[in-house]
N, C-alpha and C. Protein backbone atom coordinates (compact mmCIF):
# COMPACT_ATOMS: atom_id res chain seq x y z
N MET A 1 -2.93 0.51 -20.79
CA MET A 1 -1.97 1.36 -20.11
C MET A 1 -1.54 0.64 -18.82
N ASN A 2 -0.25 0.66 -18.53
CA ASN A 2 0.22 -0.01 -17.31
C ASN A 2 0.40 0.99 -16.17
N VAL A 3 0.70 0.47 -15.00
CA VAL A 3 0.78 1.30 -13.80
C VAL A 3 1.89 2.35 -13.91
N PHE A 4 2.97 2.03 -14.63
CA PHE A 4 4.06 3.00 -14.77
C PHE A 4 3.63 4.22 -15.59
N ASP A 5 2.74 4.00 -16.54
CA ASP A 5 2.22 5.12 -17.33
C ASP A 5 1.14 5.87 -16.56
N GLU A 6 0.22 5.12 -15.93
CA GLU A 6 -0.90 5.73 -15.22
C GLU A 6 -0.44 6.56 -14.01
N LYS A 7 0.58 6.11 -13.34
CA LYS A 7 1.04 6.75 -12.10
C LYS A 7 2.40 7.43 -12.26
N ARG A 8 2.72 7.84 -13.48
CA ARG A 8 4.03 8.41 -13.76
C ARG A 8 4.39 9.58 -12.83
N ALA A 9 3.48 10.51 -12.66
CA ALA A 9 3.78 11.69 -11.84
C ALA A 9 4.04 11.30 -10.38
N GLU A 10 3.18 10.44 -9.84
CA GLU A 10 3.36 10.01 -8.45
C GLU A 10 4.67 9.24 -8.29
N LEU A 11 4.95 8.36 -9.26
CA LEU A 11 6.20 7.59 -9.20
C LEU A 11 7.41 8.50 -9.23
N GLU A 12 7.42 9.45 -10.15
CA GLU A 12 8.55 10.37 -10.25
C GLU A 12 8.74 11.16 -8.96
N GLN A 13 7.65 11.64 -8.39
CA GLN A 13 7.74 12.42 -7.15
C GLN A 13 8.28 11.57 -5.99
N HIS A 14 7.71 10.39 -5.79
CA HIS A 14 8.14 9.55 -4.68
C HIS A 14 9.54 8.97 -4.90
N GLU A 15 9.87 8.61 -6.13
CA GLU A 15 11.21 8.10 -6.42
C GLU A 15 12.26 9.18 -6.17
N PHE A 16 11.94 10.42 -6.51
CA PHE A 16 12.87 11.53 -6.26
C PHE A 16 13.09 11.73 -4.76
N MET A 17 11.99 11.70 -3.98
CA MET A 17 12.09 11.96 -2.55
C MET A 17 12.69 10.79 -1.77
N MET A 18 12.39 9.54 -2.19
CA MET A 18 12.71 8.39 -1.37
C MET A 18 13.66 7.39 -2.02
N GLY A 19 14.01 7.61 -3.26
CA GLY A 19 14.77 6.60 -4.00
C GLY A 19 13.81 5.72 -4.78
N VAL A 20 14.34 5.00 -5.75
CA VAL A 20 13.48 4.22 -6.65
C VAL A 20 12.70 3.15 -5.89
N GLU A 21 13.40 2.35 -5.09
CA GLU A 21 12.72 1.23 -4.43
C GLU A 21 11.65 1.70 -3.47
N ARG A 22 12.01 2.58 -2.55
CA ARG A 22 11.05 3.05 -1.56
C ARG A 22 9.95 3.89 -2.21
N GLY A 23 10.29 4.64 -3.25
CA GLY A 23 9.28 5.44 -3.94
C GLY A 23 8.22 4.57 -4.60
N ARG A 24 8.66 3.49 -5.23
CA ARG A 24 7.69 2.59 -5.86
C ARG A 24 6.85 1.87 -4.82
N LEU A 25 7.47 1.50 -3.72
CA LEU A 25 6.71 0.87 -2.64
C LEU A 25 5.69 1.85 -2.05
N ALA A 26 6.06 3.12 -1.95
CA ALA A 26 5.14 4.13 -1.43
C ALA A 26 3.93 4.28 -2.34
N VAL A 27 4.15 4.26 -3.64
CA VAL A 27 3.03 4.35 -4.58
C VAL A 27 2.18 3.08 -4.49
N ALA A 28 2.81 1.94 -4.32
CA ALA A 28 2.06 0.69 -4.15
C ALA A 28 1.19 0.77 -2.89
N LEU A 29 1.73 1.35 -1.82
CA LEU A 29 0.93 1.53 -0.60
C LEU A 29 -0.27 2.42 -0.87
N ASP A 30 -0.07 3.48 -1.63
CA ASP A 30 -1.19 4.37 -1.98
C ASP A 30 -2.27 3.62 -2.76
N LEU A 31 -1.84 2.77 -3.70
CA LEU A 31 -2.80 2.00 -4.48
C LEU A 31 -3.57 1.03 -3.59
N LEU A 32 -2.86 0.38 -2.67
CA LEU A 32 -3.53 -0.54 -1.75
C LEU A 32 -4.49 0.20 -0.83
N THR A 33 -4.10 1.38 -0.40
CA THR A 33 -4.99 2.18 0.46
C THR A 33 -6.25 2.55 -0.30
N ASP A 34 -6.10 2.95 -1.57
CA ASP A 34 -7.27 3.27 -2.39
C ASP A 34 -8.17 2.05 -2.54
N ALA A 35 -7.57 0.88 -2.77
CA ALA A 35 -8.36 -0.35 -2.89
C ALA A 35 -9.08 -0.67 -1.59
N LEU A 36 -8.41 -0.45 -0.47
CA LEU A 36 -9.01 -0.70 0.83
C LEU A 36 -10.22 0.21 1.06
N VAL A 37 -10.11 1.46 0.65
CA VAL A 37 -11.23 2.40 0.77
C VAL A 37 -12.41 1.93 -0.09
N LEU A 38 -12.12 1.50 -1.31
CA LEU A 38 -13.19 1.02 -2.19
C LEU A 38 -13.88 -0.22 -1.62
N VAL A 39 -13.08 -1.13 -1.08
CA VAL A 39 -13.66 -2.33 -0.46
C VAL A 39 -14.53 -1.92 0.73
N GLY A 40 -14.06 -0.97 1.51
CA GLY A 40 -14.84 -0.50 2.66
C GLY A 40 -16.15 0.13 2.24
N GLN A 41 -16.11 0.93 1.19
CA GLN A 41 -17.34 1.55 0.69
C GLN A 41 -18.31 0.50 0.17
N HIS A 42 -17.77 -0.49 -0.53
CA HIS A 42 -18.61 -1.56 -1.06
C HIS A 42 -19.20 -2.37 0.09
N GLY A 43 -18.45 -2.51 1.19
CA GLY A 43 -18.92 -3.26 2.34
C GLY A 43 -20.14 -2.67 2.99
N VAL A 44 -20.36 -1.39 2.80
CA VAL A 44 -21.55 -0.74 3.35
C VAL A 44 -22.81 -1.34 2.70
N TYR A 45 -22.71 -1.70 1.44
CA TYR A 45 -23.86 -2.20 0.70
C TYR A 45 -23.96 -3.72 0.71
N CYS A 46 -22.85 -4.40 0.92
CA CYS A 46 -22.83 -5.87 0.90
C CYS A 46 -22.60 -6.38 2.31
N ILE A 47 -23.65 -6.47 3.08
CA ILE A 47 -23.51 -6.91 4.46
C ILE A 47 -23.66 -8.42 4.55
N SER A 48 -23.14 -8.97 5.61
CA SER A 48 -23.20 -10.40 5.84
C SER A 48 -24.62 -10.80 6.24
N ASN A 49 -25.08 -11.91 5.70
CA ASN A 49 -26.39 -12.41 6.08
C ASN A 49 -26.37 -12.96 7.51
N ARG A 50 -25.22 -13.46 7.92
CA ARG A 50 -25.11 -14.01 9.27
C ARG A 50 -25.00 -12.93 10.34
N ASN A 51 -24.29 -11.85 9.99
CA ASN A 51 -24.09 -10.77 10.96
C ASN A 51 -24.21 -9.43 10.22
N PRO A 52 -25.37 -8.81 10.26
CA PRO A 52 -25.59 -7.56 9.51
C PRO A 52 -24.67 -6.41 9.92
N ALA A 53 -24.00 -6.52 11.06
CA ALA A 53 -23.09 -5.47 11.49
C ALA A 53 -21.73 -5.57 10.81
N LYS A 54 -21.49 -6.66 10.07
CA LYS A 54 -20.20 -6.88 9.41
C LYS A 54 -20.38 -6.95 7.90
N PRO A 55 -19.32 -6.64 7.16
CA PRO A 55 -19.41 -6.80 5.71
C PRO A 55 -19.43 -8.28 5.33
N ALA A 56 -19.78 -8.56 4.10
CA ALA A 56 -19.76 -9.94 3.60
C ALA A 56 -18.37 -10.53 3.81
N LEU A 57 -18.32 -11.84 4.01
CA LEU A 57 -17.04 -12.49 4.33
C LEU A 57 -15.98 -12.28 3.26
N ASP A 58 -16.36 -12.30 1.99
CA ASP A 58 -15.36 -12.09 0.94
C ASP A 58 -14.77 -10.69 1.02
N LEU A 59 -15.57 -9.70 1.35
CA LEU A 59 -15.06 -8.34 1.49
C LEU A 59 -14.17 -8.22 2.72
N GLU A 60 -14.57 -8.86 3.80
CA GLU A 60 -13.75 -8.82 5.01
C GLU A 60 -12.40 -9.48 4.76
N THR A 61 -12.40 -10.61 4.07
CA THR A 61 -11.16 -11.30 3.74
C THR A 61 -10.29 -10.45 2.82
N THR A 62 -10.91 -9.83 1.83
CA THR A 62 -10.17 -8.97 0.91
C THR A 62 -9.53 -7.80 1.65
N ALA A 63 -10.28 -7.17 2.52
CA ALA A 63 -9.75 -6.04 3.30
C ALA A 63 -8.59 -6.50 4.18
N ASN A 64 -8.72 -7.65 4.80
CA ASN A 64 -7.64 -8.17 5.64
C ASN A 64 -6.38 -8.48 4.83
N GLU A 65 -6.56 -9.03 3.64
CA GLU A 65 -5.41 -9.35 2.79
C GLU A 65 -4.71 -8.08 2.31
N ILE A 66 -5.48 -7.08 1.93
CA ILE A 66 -4.89 -5.81 1.51
C ILE A 66 -4.13 -5.17 2.67
N GLN A 67 -4.72 -5.20 3.86
CA GLN A 67 -4.05 -4.64 5.03
C GLN A 67 -2.77 -5.39 5.32
N GLY A 68 -2.78 -6.71 5.18
CA GLY A 68 -1.57 -7.50 5.37
C GLY A 68 -0.49 -7.14 4.37
N ALA A 69 -0.87 -6.93 3.12
CA ALA A 69 0.09 -6.53 2.08
C ALA A 69 0.70 -5.17 2.42
N LYS A 70 -0.12 -4.26 2.94
CA LYS A 70 0.39 -2.94 3.33
C LYS A 70 1.42 -3.07 4.44
N VAL A 71 1.16 -3.91 5.43
CA VAL A 71 2.09 -4.10 6.54
C VAL A 71 3.42 -4.66 6.02
N LEU A 72 3.35 -5.62 5.12
CA LEU A 72 4.58 -6.19 4.55
C LEU A 72 5.38 -5.15 3.78
N ILE A 73 4.70 -4.36 2.97
CA ILE A 73 5.39 -3.31 2.20
C ILE A 73 6.01 -2.29 3.13
N GLN A 74 5.29 -1.90 4.18
CA GLN A 74 5.84 -0.94 5.14
C GLN A 74 7.08 -1.50 5.82
N SER A 75 7.09 -2.80 6.12
CA SER A 75 8.27 -3.39 6.76
C SER A 75 9.47 -3.39 5.82
N VAL A 76 9.23 -3.62 4.53
CA VAL A 76 10.31 -3.58 3.55
C VAL A 76 10.85 -2.15 3.41
N MET A 77 9.95 -1.18 3.37
CA MET A 77 10.39 0.22 3.27
C MET A 77 11.24 0.60 4.48
N GLU A 78 10.84 0.17 5.65
CA GLU A 78 11.59 0.47 6.87
C GLU A 78 12.96 -0.22 6.84
N ALA A 79 13.01 -1.46 6.37
CA ALA A 79 14.30 -2.17 6.27
C ALA A 79 15.23 -1.47 5.29
N ILE A 80 14.70 -1.02 4.16
CA ILE A 80 15.52 -0.30 3.19
C ILE A 80 16.04 0.99 3.80
N ARG A 81 15.18 1.71 4.52
CA ARG A 81 15.60 2.96 5.16
C ARG A 81 16.71 2.70 6.18
N ARG A 82 16.54 1.68 6.99
CA ARG A 82 17.57 1.36 8.00
C ARG A 82 18.89 0.99 7.34
N ASN A 83 18.83 0.25 6.24
CA ASN A 83 20.06 -0.14 5.55
C ASN A 83 20.76 1.04 4.90
N ARG A 84 20.02 2.05 4.52
CA ARG A 84 20.61 3.24 3.90
C ARG A 84 21.17 4.22 4.91
N GLU A 85 20.63 4.25 6.11
CA GLU A 85 21.09 5.23 7.12
C GLU A 85 22.58 5.14 7.39
N PRO A 86 23.16 3.95 7.58
CA PRO A 86 24.62 3.91 7.81
C PRO A 86 25.40 4.47 6.61
N GLU A 87 24.90 4.25 5.38
CA GLU A 87 25.57 4.77 4.20
C GLU A 87 25.56 6.30 4.20
N ILE A 88 24.45 6.87 4.61
CA ILE A 88 24.32 8.33 4.64
C ILE A 88 25.15 8.92 5.78
N ALA A 89 25.17 8.27 6.91
CA ALA A 89 25.91 8.78 8.07
C ALA A 89 27.43 8.67 7.88
N ASN A 90 27.87 7.62 7.17
CA ASN A 90 29.31 7.38 6.97
C ASN A 90 29.64 7.23 5.50
N PRO A 91 29.50 8.27 4.70
CA PRO A 91 29.84 8.14 3.28
C PRO A 91 31.34 7.94 3.11
N GLU A 92 31.71 7.03 2.25
CA GLU A 92 33.14 6.77 2.05
C GLU A 92 33.56 6.98 0.65
């Protein structure tokens, strides 16, 4: 099963509210957030041998990469919104 089948309801809801592009990006953000939570939970059990107060380096790197992807997606969503605002304000 692919993501379009698994997340059909969420995709339909977000695409309706935000448009296809932003709706799909919003669902992608939700998936990344869920992954970030799972990595964080796993980090509780997999601590670094060098610094017990931190998660293992691979988990820390994974969390940072997921967070970076979220920031990029959010910037694209904001750019799409800004590009649409003039169209909505001045329909021709």
